[in-house]
């Protein structure tokens, strides 16, 4: 079941490729490496879906910028509603 993931101040949703497909038609292909993944992470600030490996690598270099918060929140709220996360 899709769920919110806590990481710094970022808004992130963990979901399966099947949940991604049902919610919004996404194919479960990592936006970073291009490989299919059974599970992944929607990173709202970038509007991207990453496989676990790429997500882990992104976490090592991620920096939070408060000026991106409005766009991040809008993206997150849109996808959270599609996944049924309230």
Protein backbone atom coordinates (compact mmCIF):
# COMPACT_ATOMS: atom_id res chain seq x y z
CA UNK A 1 0.00 0.00 0.00
CA UNK A 2 1.33 3.44 -0.92
CA UNK A 3 2.59 5.44 2.03
CA UNK A 4 4.28 8.70 2.91
CA UNK A 5 8.01 8.40 3.54
CA UNK A 6 9.82 10.65 6.01
CA UNK A 7 13.12 12.10 4.80
CA UNK A 8 14.26 15.50 5.99
CA UNK A 9 11.52 17.95 4.93
CA UNK A 10 10.86 16.27 1.58
CA UNK A 11 7.41 14.98 0.60
CA UNK A 12 7.86 11.45 -0.75
CA UNK A 13 5.51 8.58 -1.54
CA UNK A 14 6.64 4.95 -1.60
CA UNK A 15 4.52 2.73 -3.85
CA UNK A 16 4.61 -0.36 -5.99
CA UNK A 17 4.80 -0.20 -9.78
CA UNK A 18 1.28 -1.64 -9.86
CA UNK A 19 -0.04 1.13 -7.60
CA UNK A 20 1.69 3.69 -9.78
CA UNK A 21 0.08 2.23 -12.90
CA UNK A 22 -3.41 2.08 -11.36
CA UNK A 23 -3.20 5.60 -9.90
CA UNK A 24 -1.78 7.46 -12.86
CA UNK A 25 -0.79 5.11 -15.67
CA UNK A 26 2.95 5.27 -14.92
CA UNK A 27 4.92 2.26 -16.13
CA UNK A 28 7.12 1.67 -13.05
CA UNK A 29 10.28 2.75 -14.87
CA UNK A 30 12.83 4.67 -12.81
CA UNK A 31 13.14 8.28 -14.00
CA UNK A 32 16.86 8.23 -13.15
CA UNK A 33 18.31 4.96 -14.48
CA UNK A 34 15.49 3.91 -16.81
CA UNK A 35 15.17 0.41 -15.34
CA UNK A 36 11.87 -1.18 -14.33
CA UNK A 37 11.28 -1.58 -10.61
CA UNK A 38 8.59 -3.37 -8.61
CA UNK A 39 8.71 -0.67 -5.94
CA UNK A 40 9.74 2.96 -6.06
CA UNK A 41 9.60 6.43 -4.58
CA UNK A 42 7.75 9.45 -5.92
CA UNK A 43 9.81 12.54 -5.03
CA UNK A 44 7.35 15.42 -5.22
CA UNK A 45 9.85 18.28 -5.39
CA UNK A 46 11.28 16.80 -8.61
CA UNK A 47 8.06 15.18 -9.84
CA UNK A 48 10.05 11.96 -10.41
CA UNK A 49 9.71 8.26 -9.55
CA UNK A 50 12.95 6.49 -8.53
CA UNK A 51 13.83 2.85 -7.96
CA UNK A 52 15.22 1.99 -4.50
CA UNK A 53 18.85 2.15 -5.70
CA UNK A 54 18.50 5.57 -7.31
CA UNK A 55 16.44 6.83 -4.38
CA UNK A 56 19.20 5.81 -1.98
CA UNK A 57 21.79 7.60 -4.12
CA UNK A 58 19.59 10.71 -4.37
CA UNK A 59 19.24 10.81 -0.56
CA UNK A 60 23.02 11.11 -0.24
CA UNK A 61 23.09 14.37 -2.22
CA UNK A 62 19.60 15.83 -1.70
CA UNK A 63 19.37 19.38 -0.44
CA UNK A 64 16.12 20.96 0.65
CA UNK A 65 15.35 24.43 -0.71
CA UNK A 66 12.42 26.20 1.01
CA UNK A 67 11.66 28.19 -2.14
CA UNK A 68 10.56 24.92 -3.82
CA UNK A 69 8.01 24.13 -1.10
CA UNK A 70 4.94 25.45 -2.94
CA UNK A 71 5.56 23.38 -6.06
CA UNK A 72 6.51 20.35 -3.99
CA UNK A 73 3.33 20.61 -1.92
CA UNK A 74 1.15 20.98 -5.02
CA UNK A 75 2.75 17.92 -6.66
CA UNK A 76 2.51 15.86 -3.48
CA UNK A 77 -1.14 16.71 -2.83
CA UNK A 78 -2.08 15.78 -6.39
CA UNK A 79 -0.42 12.36 -6.26
CA UNK A 80 -1.32 11.67 -2.62
CA UNK A 81 -4.98 12.02 -3.57
CA UNK A 82 -4.52 9.59 -6.48
CA UNK A 83 -2.90 7.05 -4.13
CA UNK A 84 -5.48 7.61 -1.39
CA UNK A 85 -2.98 9.05 1.09
CA UNK A 86 -4.56 11.65 3.34
